[in-house]
């Protein structure tokens, strides 16, 4: 084999190696990109799950607050009724004492 043939063969061999290297780099970059896209989808999914959970939690808190407010209102109403009954009883007792005094 002539030196020029060896050189030409070496150049072809180097070009083939360079193509293989480039292909493997491209493949590695594509794999990285696919992994990043997968992570991005997972992150978006987790964010939407968190938002849904937060919305659900806020709804539950609102219902709980409304329930507590309703209980407080009912309690205040009952206390007011008891006070009015006590006033009526005191008033009736005073009226009764007045009548006895007369």
PDB file of N, CA and C in Angstrom:
ATOM      1  N   UNK A   1       0.849  -1.195   0.000  1.00  0.00           N
ATOM      2  CA  UNK A   1       0.000   0.000   0.000  1.00  0.00           C
ATOM      3  C   UNK A   1       0.878   1.235   0.000  1.00  0.00           C
ATOM      4  N   UNK A   2       0.468   2.181  -0.823  1.00  0.00           N
ATOM      5  CA  UNK A   2       1.232   3.423  -0.949  1.00  0.00           C
ATOM      6  C   UNK A   2       0.974   4.288   0.274  1.00  0.00           C
ATOM      7  N   UNK A   3       1.916   5.192   0.593  1.00  0.00           N
ATOM      8  CA  UNK A   3       1.705   6.111   1.724  1.00  0.00           C
ATOM      9  C   UNK A   3       0.456   6.965   1.516  1.00  0.00           C
ATOM     10  N   UNK A   4       0.173   7.358   0.254  1.00  0.00           N
ATOM     11  CA  UNK A   4      -1.029   8.176   0.006  1.00  0.00           C
ATOM     12  C   UNK A   4      -2.286   7.375   0.303  1.00  0.00           C
ATOM     13  N   UNK A   5      -2.273   6.093  -0.038  1.00  0.00           N
ATOM     14  CA  UNK A   5      -3.427   5.237   0.242  1.00  0.00           C
ATOM     15  C   UNK A   5      -3.623   5.092   1.759  1.00  0.00           C
ATOM     16  N   UNK A   6      -2.489   4.923   2.459  1.00  0.00           N
ATOM     17  CA  UNK A   6      -2.566   4.824   3.923  1.00  0.00           C
ATOM     18  C   UNK A   6      -3.121   6.118   4.507  1.00  0.00           C
ATOM     19  N   UNK A   7      -2.655   7.251   3.990  1.00  0.00           N
ATOM     20  CA  UNK A   7      -3.123   8.559   4.471  1.00  0.00           C
ATOM     21  C   UNK A   7      -4.612   8.713   4.184  1.00  0.00           C
ATOM     22  N   UNK A   8      -5.017   8.332   2.961  1.00  0.00           N
ATOM     23  CA  UNK A   8      -6.430   8.439   2.591  1.00  0.00           C
ATOM     24  C   UNK A   8      -7.269   7.529   3.496  1.00  0.00           C
ATOM     25  N   UNK A   9      -6.790   6.333   3.759  1.00  0.00           N
ATOM     26  CA  UNK A   9      -7.488   5.385   4.624  1.00  0.00           C
ATOM     27  C   UNK A   9      -7.584   5.944   6.048  1.00  0.00           C
ATOM     28  N   UNK A  10      -6.488   6.549   6.521  1.00  0.00           N
ATOM     29  CA  UNK A  10      -6.457   7.143   7.851  1.00  0.00           C
ATOM     30  C   UNK A  10      -7.441   8.302   7.951  1.00  0.00           C
ATOM     31  N   UNK A  11      -7.491   9.130   6.893  1.00  0.00           N
ATOM     32  CA  UNK A  11      -8.432  10.258   6.874  1.00  0.00           C
ATOM     33  C   UNK A  11      -9.860   9.729   6.930  1.00  0.00           C
ATOM     34  N   UNK A  12     -10.158   8.721   6.104  1.00  0.00           N
ATOM     35  CA  UNK A  12     -11.507   8.138   6.108  1.00  0.00           C
ATOM     36  C   UNK A  12     -11.836   7.562   7.489  1.00  0.00           C
ATOM     37  N   UNK A  13     -10.881   6.889   8.091  1.00  0.00           N
ATOM     38  CA  UNK A  13     -11.078   6.292   9.404  1.00  0.00           C
ATOM     39  C   UNK A  13     -11.341   7.388  10.444  1.00  0.00           C
ATOM     40  N   UNK A  14     -10.539   8.481  10.376  1.00  0.00           N
ATOM     41  CA  UNK A  14     -10.732   9.601  11.311  1.00  0.00           C
ATOM     42  C   UNK A  14     -12.091  10.258  11.101  1.00  0.00           C
ATOM     43  N   UNK A  15     -12.513  10.409   9.848  1.00  0.00           N
ATOM     44  CA  UNK A  15     -13.817  11.005   9.556  1.00  0.00           C
ATOM     45  C   UNK A  15     -14.940  10.131  10.119  1.00  0.00           C
ATOM     46  N   UNK A  16     -14.784   8.815   9.948  1.00  0.00           N
ATOM     47  CA  UNK A  16     -15.798   7.896  10.479  1.00  0.00           C
ATOM     48  C   UNK A  16     -15.865   8.005  12.002  1.00  0.00           C
ATOM     49  N   UNK A  17     -14.687   8.067  12.636  1.00  0.00           N
ATOM     50  CA  UNK A  17     -14.649   8.210  14.101  1.00  0.00           C
ATOM     51  C   UNK A  17     -15.283   9.544  14.531  1.00  0.00           C
ATOM     52  N   UNK A  18     -14.991  10.597  13.768  1.00  0.00           N
ATOM     53  CA  UNK A  18     -15.552  11.916  14.085  1.00  0.00           C
ATOM     54  C   UNK A  18     -17.079  11.881  13.967  1.00  0.00           C
ATOM     55  N   UNK A  19     -17.596  11.196  12.926  1.00  0.00           N
ATOM     56  CA  UNK A  19     -19.056  11.071  12.766  1.00  0.00           C
ATOM     57  C   UNK A  19     -19.662  10.282  13.927  1.00  0.00           C
ATOM     58  N   UNK A  20     -19.011   9.201  14.307  1.00  0.00           N
ATOM     59  CA  UNK A  20     -19.500   8.395  15.427  1.00  0.00           C
ATOM     60  C   UNK A  20     -19.525   9.223  16.725  1.00  0.00           C
ATOM     61  N   UNK A  21     -18.468   9.981  16.942  1.00  0.00           N
ATOM     62  CA  UNK A  21     -18.380  10.830  18.124  1.00  0.00           C
ATOM     63  C   UNK A  21     -19.497  11.879  18.100  1.00  0.00           C
ATOM     64  N   UNK A  22     -19.685  12.503  16.941  1.00  0.00           N
ATOM     65  CA  UNK A  22     -20.735  13.513  16.799  1.00  0.00           C
ATOM     66  C   UNK A  22     -22.105  12.871  17.046  1.00  0.00           C
ATOM     67  N   UNK A  23     -22.325  11.683  16.468  1.00  0.00           N
ATOM     68  CA  UNK A  23     -23.596  10.985  16.657  1.00  0.00           C
ATOM     69  C   UNK A  23     -23.834  10.673  18.135  1.00  0.00           C
ATOM     70  N   UNK A  24     -22.780  10.219  18.827  1.00  0.00           N
ATOM     71  CA  UNK A  24     -22.956   9.883  20.243  1.00  0.00           C
ATOM     72  C   UNK A  24     -23.207  11.148  21.063  1.00  0.00           C
ATOM     73  N   UNK A  25     -22.581  12.268  20.686  1.00  0.00           N
ATOM     74  CA  UNK A  25     -22.837  13.542  21.391  1.00  0.00           C
ATOM     75  C   UNK A  25     -24.288  13.976  21.161  1.00  0.00           C
ATOM     76  N   UNK A  26     -24.728  13.874  19.912  1.00  0.00           N
ATOM     77  CA  UNK A  26     -26.117  14.244  19.592  1.00  0.00           C
ATOM     78  C   UNK A  26     -27.069  13.356  20.385  1.00  0.00           C
ATOM     79  N   UNK A  27     -26.775  12.064  20.409  1.00  0.00           N
ATOM     80  CA  UNK A  27     -27.619  11.121  21.137  1.00  0.00           C
ATOM     81  C   UNK A  27     -27.657  11.479  22.632  1.00  0.00           C
ATOM     82  N   UNK A  28     -26.501  11.810  23.192  1.00  0.00           N
ATOM     83  CA  UNK A  28     -26.437  12.188  24.610  1.00  0.00           C
ATOM     84  C   UNK A  28     -27.242  13.460  24.873  1.00  0.00           C
ATOM     85  N   UNK A  29     -27.136  14.436  23.979  1.00  0.00           N
ATOM     86  CA  UNK A  29     -27.895  15.685  24.142  1.00  0.00           C
ATOM     87  C   UNK A  29     -29.394  15.422  24.021  1.00  0.00           C
ATOM     88  N   UNK A  30     -29.767  14.538  23.076  1.00  0.00           N
ATOM     89  CA  UNK A  30     -31.189  14.199  22.928  1.00  0.00           C
ATOM     90  C   UNK A  30     -31.710  13.510  24.185  1.00  0.00           C
ATOM     91  N   UNK A  31     -30.890  12.646  24.772  1.00  0.00           N
ATOM     92  CA  UNK A  31     -31.285  11.957  26.004  1.00  0.00           C
ATOM     93  C   UNK A  31     -31.452  12.967  27.141  1.00  0.00           C
ATOM     94  N   UNK A  32     -30.519  13.926  27.243  1.00  0.00           N
ATOM     95  CA  UNK A  32     -30.626  14.973  28.276  1.00  0.00           C
ATOM     96  C   UNK A  32     -31.894  15.783  28.075  1.00  0.00           C
ATOM     97  N   UNK A  33     -32.153  16.152  26.824  1.00  0.00           N
ATOM     98  CA  UNK A  33     -33.341  16.943  26.510  1.00  0.00           C
ATOM     99  C   UNK A  33     -34.612  16.174  26.868  1.00  0.00           C
ATOM    100  N   UNK A  34     -34.657  14.898  26.509  1.00  0.00           N
ATOM    101  CA  UNK A  34     -35.827  14.074  26.834  1.00  0.00           C
ATOM    102  C   UNK A  34     -36.016  14.000  28.353  1.00  0.00           C
ATOM    103  N   UNK A  35     -34.916  13.872  29.092  1.00  0.00           N
ATOM    104  CA  UNK A  35     -34.993  13.809  30.552  1.00  0.00           C
ATOM    105  C   UNK A  35     -35.507  15.136  31.125  1.00  0.00           C
ATOM    106  N   UNK A  36     -35.003  16.245  30.590  1.00  0.00           N
ATOM    107  CA  UNK A  36     -35.471  17.563  31.055  1.00  0.00           C
ATOM    108  C   UNK A  36     -36.957  17.748  30.752  1.00  0.00           C
ATOM    109  N   UNK A  37     -37.385  17.310  29.577  1.00  0.00           N
ATOM    110  CA  UNK A  37     -38.806  17.429  29.223  1.00  0.00           C
ATOM    111  C   UNK A  37     -39.662  16.587  30.168  1.00  0.00           C
ATOM    112  N   UNK A  38     -39.185  15.381  30.506  1.00  0.00           N
ATOM    113  CA  UNK A  38     -39.906  14.514  31.446  1.00  0.00           C
ATOM    114  C   UNK A  38     -39.996  15.194  32.814  1.00  0.00           C
ATOM    115  N   UNK A  39     -38.875  15.768  33.276  1.00  0.00           N
ATOM    116  CA  UNK A  39     -38.871  16.475  34.570  1.00  0.00           C
ATOM    117  C   UNK A  39     -39.825  17.657  34.538  1.00  0.00           C
ATOM    118  N   UNK A  40     -39.853  18.356  33.402  1.00  0.00           N
ATOM    119  CA  UNK A  40     -40.736  19.522  33.275  1.00  0.00           C
ATOM    120  C   UNK A  40     -42.207  19.080  33.365  1.00  0.00           C
ATOM    121  N   UNK A  41     -42.535  17.971  32.697  1.00  0.00           N
ATOM    122  CA  UNK A  41     -43.917  17.458  32.762  1.00  0.00           C
ATOM    123  C   UNK A  41     -44.265  17.048  34.188  1.00  0.00           C
ATOM    124  N   UNK A  42     -43.334  16.370  34.869  1.00  0.00           N
ATOM    125  CA  UNK A  42     -43.574  15.956  36.257  1.00  0.00           C
ATOM    126  C   UNK A  42     -43.774  17.173  37.157  1.00  0.00           C
ATOM    127  N   UNK A  43     -42.955  18.186  36.959  1.00  0.00           N
ATOM    128  CA  UNK A  43     -43.066  19.413  37.761  1.00  0.00           C
ATOM    129  C   UNK A  43     -44.418  20.081  37.524  1.00  0.00           C
ATOM    130  N   UNK A  44     -44.819  20.184  36.259  1.00  0.00           N
ATOM    131  CA  UNK A  44     -46.112  20.801  35.937  1.00  0.00           C
ATOM    132  C   UNK A  44     -47.248  19.994  36.576  1.00  0.00           C
ATOM    133  N   UNK A  45     -47.132  18.676  36.519  1.00  0.00           N
ATOM    134  CA  UNK A  45     -48.155  17.805  37.114  1.00  0.00           C
ATOM    135  C   UNK A  45     -48.200  18.007  38.636  1.00  0.00           C
ATOM    136  N   UNK A  46     -47.022  18.065  39.267  1.00  0.00           N
ATOM    137  CA  UNK A  46     -46.968  18.268  40.722  1.00  0.00           C
ATOM    138  C   UNK A  46     -47.532  19.627  41.112  1.00  0.00           C
ATOM    139  N   UNK A  47     -47.242  20.647  40.307  1.00  0.00           N
ATOM    140  CA  UNK A  47     -47.776  21.988  40.587  1.00  0.00           C
ATOM    141  C   UNK A  47     -49.299  21.963  40.518  1.00  0.00           C
ATOM    142  N   UNK A  48     -49.840  21.309  39.487  1.00  0.00           N
ATOM    143  CA  UNK A  48     -51.301  21.276  39.380  1.00  0.00           C
ATOM    144  C   UNK A  48     -51.914  20.473  40.525  1.00  0.00           C
ATOM    145  N   UNK A  49     -51.225  19.393  40.968  1.00  0.00           N
ATOM    146  CA  UNK A  49     -51.721  18.633  42.118  1.00  0.00           C
ATOM    147  C   UNK A  49     -51.705  19.497  43.375  1.00  0.00           C
ATOM    148  N   UNK A  50     -50.624  20.270  43.552  1.00  0.00           N
ATOM    149  CA  UNK A  50     -50.532  21.152  44.728  1.00  0.00           C
ATOM    150  C   UNK A  50     -51.634  22.210  44.705  1.00  0.00           C
ATOM    151  N   UNK A  51     -51.861  22.797  43.523  1.00  0.00           N
ATOM    152  CA  UNK A  51     -52.912  23.817  43.410  1.00  0.00           C
ATOM    153  C   UNK A  51     -54.277  23.231  43.744  1.00  0.00           C
ATOM    154  N   UNK A  52     -54.539  22.020  43.245  1.00  0.00           N
ATOM    155  CA  UNK A  52     -55.818  21.364  43.531  1.00  0.00           C
ATOM    156  C   UNK A  52     -55.956  21.085  45.026  1.00  0.00           C
ATOM    157  N   UNK A  53     -54.878  20.625  45.642  1.00  0.00           N
ATOM    158  CA  UNK A  53     -54.900  20.339  47.084  1.00  0.00           C
ATOM    159  C   UNK A  53     -55.122  21.624  47.883  1.00  0.00           C
ATOM    160  N   UNK A  54     -54.468  22.702  47.439  1.00  0.00           N
ATOM    161  CA  UNK A  54     -54.630  23.990  48.130  1.00  0.00           C
ATOM    162  C   UNK A  54     -56.071  24.484  48.016  1.00  0.00           C
ATOM    163  N   UNK A  55     -56.641  24.353  46.809  1.00  0.00           N
ATOM    164  CA  UNK A  55     -58.016  24.785  46.592  1.00  0.00           C
ATOM    165  C   UNK A  55     -58.960  23.975  47.475  1.00  0.00           C
ATOM    166  N   UNK A  56     -58.730  22.668  47.534  1.00  0.00           N
ATOM    167  CA  UNK A  56     -59.557  21.781  48.366  1.00  0.00           C
ATOM    168  C   UNK A  56     -59.436  22.187  49.837  1.00  0.00           C
ATOM    169  N   UNK A  57     -58.198  22.455  50.268  1.00  0.00           N
ATOM    170  CA  UNK A  57     -57.947  22.846  51.654  1.00  0.00           C
ATOM    171  C   UNK A  57     -58.652  24.165  51.982  1.00  0.00           C
ATOM    172  N   UNK A  58     -58.565  25.134  51.054  1.00  0.00           N
ATOM    173  CA  UNK A  58     -59.229  26.424  51.279  1.00  0.00           C
ATOM    174  C   UNK A  58     -60.734  26.231  51.388  1.00  0.00           C
ATOM    175  N   UNK A  59     -61.278  25.339  50.541  1.00  0.00           N
ATOM    176  CA  UNK A  59     -62.720  25.074  50.578  1.00  0.00           C
ATOM    177  C   UNK A  59     -63.107  24.462  51.930  1.00  0.00           C
ATOM    178  N   UNK A  60     -62.301  23.514  52.398  1.00  0.00           N
ATOM    179  CA  UNK A  60     -62.580  22.888  53.694  1.00  0.00           C
ATOM    180  C   UNK A  60     -62.481  23.909  54.828  1.00  0.00           C
ATOM    181  N   UNK A  61     -61.474  24.787  54.753  1.00  0.00           N
ATOM    182  CA  UNK A  61     -61.316  25.824  55.784  1.00  0.00           C
ATOM    183  C   UNK A  61     -62.535  26.749  55.784  1.00  0.00           C
ATOM    184  N   UNK A  62     -63.003  27.110  54.587  1.00  0.00           N
ATOM    185  CA  UNK A  62     -64.169  27.997  54.477  1.00  0.00           C
ATOM    186  C   UNK A  62     -65.392  27.327  55.094  1.00  0.00           C
ATOM    187  N   UNK A  63     -65.605  26.045  54.767  1.00  0.00           N
ATOM    188  CA  UNK A  63     -66.750  25.320  55.335  1.00  0.00           C
ATOM    189  C   UNK A  63     -66.643  25.243  56.854  1.00  0.00           C
ATOM    190  N   UNK A  64     -65.439  24.975  57.347  1.00  0.00           N
ATOM    191  CA  UNK A  64     -65.220  24.885  58.794  1.00  0.00           C
ATOM    192  C   UNK A  64     -65.517  26.224  59.465  1.00  0.00           C
ATOM    193  N   UNK A  65     -65.009  27.315  58.845  1.00  0.00           N
ATOM    194  CA  UNK A  65     -65.239  28.656  59.391  1.00  0.00           C
ATOM    195  C   UNK A  65     -66.736  28.972  59.417  1.00  0.00           C
ATOM    196  N   UNK A  66     -67.442  28.648  58.323  1.00  0.00           N
ATOM    197  CA  UNK A  66     -68.884  28.906  58.268  1.00  0.00           C
ATOM    198  C   UNK A  66     -69.619  28.106  59.339  1.00  0.00           C
ATOM    199  N   UNK A  67     -69.181  26.868  59.546  1.00  0.00           N
ATOM    200  CA  UNK A  67     -69.798  26.007  60.564  1.00  0.00           C
ATOM    201  C   UNK A  67     -69.592  26.605  61.957  1.00  0.00           C
ATOM    202  N   UNK A  68     -68.371  27.067  62.218  1.00  0.00           N
ATOM    203  CA  UNK A  68     -68.056  27.676  63.518  1.00  0.00           C
ATOM    204  C   UNK A  68     -68.874  28.953  63.714  1.00  0.00           C
ATOM    205  N   UNK A  69     -68.948  29.777  62.661  1.00  0.00           N
ATOM    206  CA  UNK A  69     -69.720  31.022  62.761  1.00  0.00           C
ATOM    207  C   UNK A  69     -71.196  30.722  63.034  1.00  0.00           C
ATOM    208  N   UNK A  70     -71.721  29.670  62.382  1.00  0.00           N
ATOM    209  CA  UNK A  70     -73.120  29.275  62.601  1.00  0.00           C
ATOM    210  C   UNK A  70     -73.315  28.832  64.047  1.00  0.00           C
ATOM    211  N   UNK A  71     -72.359  28.019  64.564  1.00  0.00           N
ATOM    212  CA  UNK A  71     -72.441  27.560  65.953  1.00  0.00           C
ATOM    213  C   UNK A  71     -72.419  28.739  66.926  1.00  0.00           C
ATOM    214  N   UNK A  72     -71.525  29.700  66.646  1.00  0.00           N
ATOM    215  CA  UNK A  72     -71.431  30.877  67.525  1.00  0.00           C
ATOM    216  C   UNK A  72     -72.747  31.657  67.499  1.00  0.00           C
ATOM    217  N   UNK A  73     -73.309  31.855  66.311  1.00  0.00           N
ATOM    218  CA  UNK A  73     -74.573  32.597  66.193  1.00  0.00           C
ATOM    219  C   UNK A  73     -75.691  31.885  66.958  1.00  0.00           C
ATOM    220  N   UNK A  74     -75.745  30.553  66.835  1.00  0.00           N
ATOM    221  CA  UNK A  74     -76.779  29.785  67.552  1.00  0.00           C
ATOM    222  C   UNK A  74     -76.577  29.894  69.063  1.00  0.00           C
ATOM    223  N   UNK A  75     -75.313  29.862  69.493  1.00  0.00           N
ATOM    224  CA  UNK A  75     -74.998  29.970  70.914  1.00  0.00           C
ATOM    225  C   UNK A  75     -75.411  31.348  71.448  1.00  0.00           C
ATOM    226  N   UNK A  76     -75.093  32.397  70.664  1.00  0.00           N
ATOM    227  CA  UNK A  76     -75.450  33.762  71.081  1.00  0.00           C
ATOM    228  C   UNK A  76     -76.969  33.920  71.166  1.00  0.00           C
ATOM    229  N   UNK A  77     -77.659  33.327  70.210  1.00  0.00           N
ATOM    230  CA  UNK A  77     -79.127  33.396  70.209  1.00  0.00           C
ATOM    231  C   UNK A  77     -79.690  32.699  71.453  1.00  0.00           C
ATOM    232  N   UNK A  78     -79.151  31.527  71.759  1.00  0.00           N
ATOM    233  CA  UNK A  78     -79.605  30.769  72.941  1.00  0.00           C
ATOM    234  C   UNK A  78     -79.327  31.560  74.219  1.00  0.00           C
ATOM    235  N   UNK A  79     -78.129  32.195  74.300  1.00  0.00           N
ATOM    236  CA  UNK A  79     -77.786  32.996  75.477  1.00  0.00           C
ATOM    237  C   UNK A  79     -78.741  34.179  75.618  1.00  0.00           C
ATOM    238  N   UNK A  80     -79.076  34.800  74.505  1.00  0.00           N
ATOM    239  CA  UNK A  80     -79.992  35.948  74.518  1.00  0.00           C
ATOM    240  C   UNK A  80     -81.372  35.503  75.028  1.00  0.00           C
ATOM    241  N   UNK A  81     -81.815  34.320  74.546  1.00  0.00           N
ATOM    242  CA  UNK A  81     -83.114  33.799  74.988  1.00  0.00           C
ATOM    243  C   UNK A  81     -83.103  33.508  76.494  1.00  0.00           C
ATOM    244  N   UNK A  82     -82.000  32.952  76.981  1.00  0.00           N
ATOM    245  CA  UNK A  82     -81.884  32.655  78.413  1.00  0.00           C
ATOM    246  C   UNK A  82     -81.934  33.961  79.218  1.00  0.00           C
ATOM    247  N   UNK A  83     -81.205  34.988  78.734  1.00  0.00           N
ATOM    248  CA  UNK A  83     -81.212  36.285  79.433  1.00  0.00           C
ATOM    249  C   UNK A  83     -82.625  36.861  79.472  1.00  0.00           C
ATOM    250  N   UNK A  84     -83.320  36.772  78.335  1.00  0.00           N
ATOM    251  CA  UNK A  84     -84.688  37.305  78.297  1.00  0.00           C
ATOM    252  C   UNK A  84     -85.609  36.544  79.250  1.00  0.00           C
ATOM    253  N   UNK A  85     -85.417  35.211  79.313  1.00  0.00           N
ATOM    254  CA  UNK A  85     -86.221  34.401  80.237  1.00  0.00           C
ATOM    255  C   UNK A  85     -85.911  34.784  81.684  1.00  0.00           C
ATOM    256  N   UNK A  86     -84.619  35.020  81.969  1.00  0.00           N
ATOM    257  CA  UNK A  86     -84.229  35.428  83.324  1.00  0.00           C
ATOM    258  C   UNK A  86     -84.842  36.779  83.663  1.00  0.00           C
ATOM    259  N   UNK A  87     -84.774  37.719  82.710  1.00  0.00           N
ATOM    260  CA  UNK A  87     -85.371  39.047  82.946  1.00  0.00           C
ATOM    261  C   UNK A  87     -86.867  38.917  83.217  1.00  0.00           C
ATOM    262  N   UNK A  88     -87.532  38.080  82.410  1.00  0.00           N
ATOM    263  CA  UNK A  88     -88.971  37.884  82.580  1.00  0.00           C
ATOM    264  C   UNK A  88     -89.261  37.264  83.947  1.00  0.00           C
ATOM    265  N   UNK A  89     -88.429  36.305  84.345  1.00  0.00           N
ATOM    266  CA  UNK A  89     -88.631  35.652  85.649  1.00  0.00           C
ATOM    267  C   UNK A  89     -88.420  36.661  86.776  1.00  0.00           C
ATOM    268  N   UNK A  90     -87.371  37.483  86.671  1.00  0.00           N
ATOM    269  CA  UNK A  90     -87.097  38.494  87.700  1.00  0.00           C
ATOM    270  C   UNK A  90     -88.242  39.501  87.757  1.00  0.00           C
ATOM    271  N   UNK A  91     -88.680  39.912  86.581  1.00  0.00           N
ATOM    272  CA  UNK A  91     -89.772  40.879  86.508  1.00  0.00           C
ATOM    273  C   UNK A  91     -91.041  40.296  87.128  1.00  0.00           C
ATOM    274  N   UNK A  92     -91.339  39.033  86.824  1.00  0.00           N
ATOM    275  CA  UNK A  92     -92.533  38.376  87.389  1.00  0.00           C
ATOM    276  C   UNK A  92     -92.392  38.249  88.908  1.00  0.00           C
ATOM    277  N   UNK A  93     -91.194  37.934  89.372  1.00  0.00           N
ATOM    278  CA  UNK A  93     -90.949  37.794  90.802  1.00  0.00           C
ATOM    279  C   UNK A  93     -91.135  39.143  91.508  1.00  0.00           C
ATOM    280  N   UNK A  94     -90.601  40.218  90.892  1.00  0.00           N
ATOM    281  CA  UNK A  94     -90.750  41.554  91.477  1.00  0.00           C
ATOM    282  C   UNK A  94     -92.224  41.954  91.511  1.00  0.00           C
ATOM    283  N   UNK A  95     -92.933  41.635  90.427  1.00  0.00           N
ATOM    284  CA  UNK A  95     -94.359  41.953  90.356  1.00  0.00           C
ATOM    285  C   UNK A  95     -95.124  41.197  91.454  1.00  0.00           C
ATOM    286  N   UNK A  96     -94.738  39.921  91.642  1.00  0.00           N
ATOM    287  CA  UNK A  96     -95.375  39.080  92.662  1.00  0.00           C
ATOM    288  C   UNK A  96     -95.114  39.642  94.066  1.00  0.00           C
ATOM    289  N   UNK A  97     -93.847  40.072  94.314  1.00  0.00           N
ATOM    290  CA  UNK A  97     -93.504  40.656  95.608  1.00  0.00           C
ATOM    291  C   UNK A  97     -94.284  41.958  95.846  1.00  0.00           C
ATOM    292  N   UNK A  98     -94.399  42.734  94.768  1.00  0.00           N
ATOM    293  CA  UNK A  98     -95.135  43.999  94.866  1.00  0.00           C
ATOM    294  C   UNK A  98     -96.575  43.738  95.271  1.00  0.00           C
ATOM    295  N   UNK A  99     -97.170  42.729  94.627  1.00  0.00           N
ATOM    296  CA  UNK A  99     -98.563  42.393  94.931  1.00  0.00           C
ATOM    297  C   UNK A  99     -98.681  41.920  96.386  1.00  0.00           C
ATOM    298  N   UNK A 100     -97.709  41.162  96.851  1.00  0.00           N
ATOM    299  CA  UNK A 100     -97.752  40.670  98.234  1.00  0.00           C
ATOM    300  C   UNK A 100     -97.625  41.845  99.212  1.00  0.00           C
ATOM    301  N   UNK A 101     -96.794  42.823  98.789  1.00  0.00           N
ATOM    302  CA  UNK A 101     -96.584  43.990  99.661  1.00  0.00           C
ATOM    303  C   UNK A 101     -97.851  44.833  99.737  1.00  0.00           C
ATOM    304  N   UNK A 102     -98.627  44.832  98.693  1.00  0.00           N
ATOM    305  CA  UNK A 102     -99.843  45.684  98.685  1.00  0.00           C
ATOM    306  C   UNK A 102    -100.939  45.128  99.473  1.00  0.00           C
TER     307      UNK A 102
END
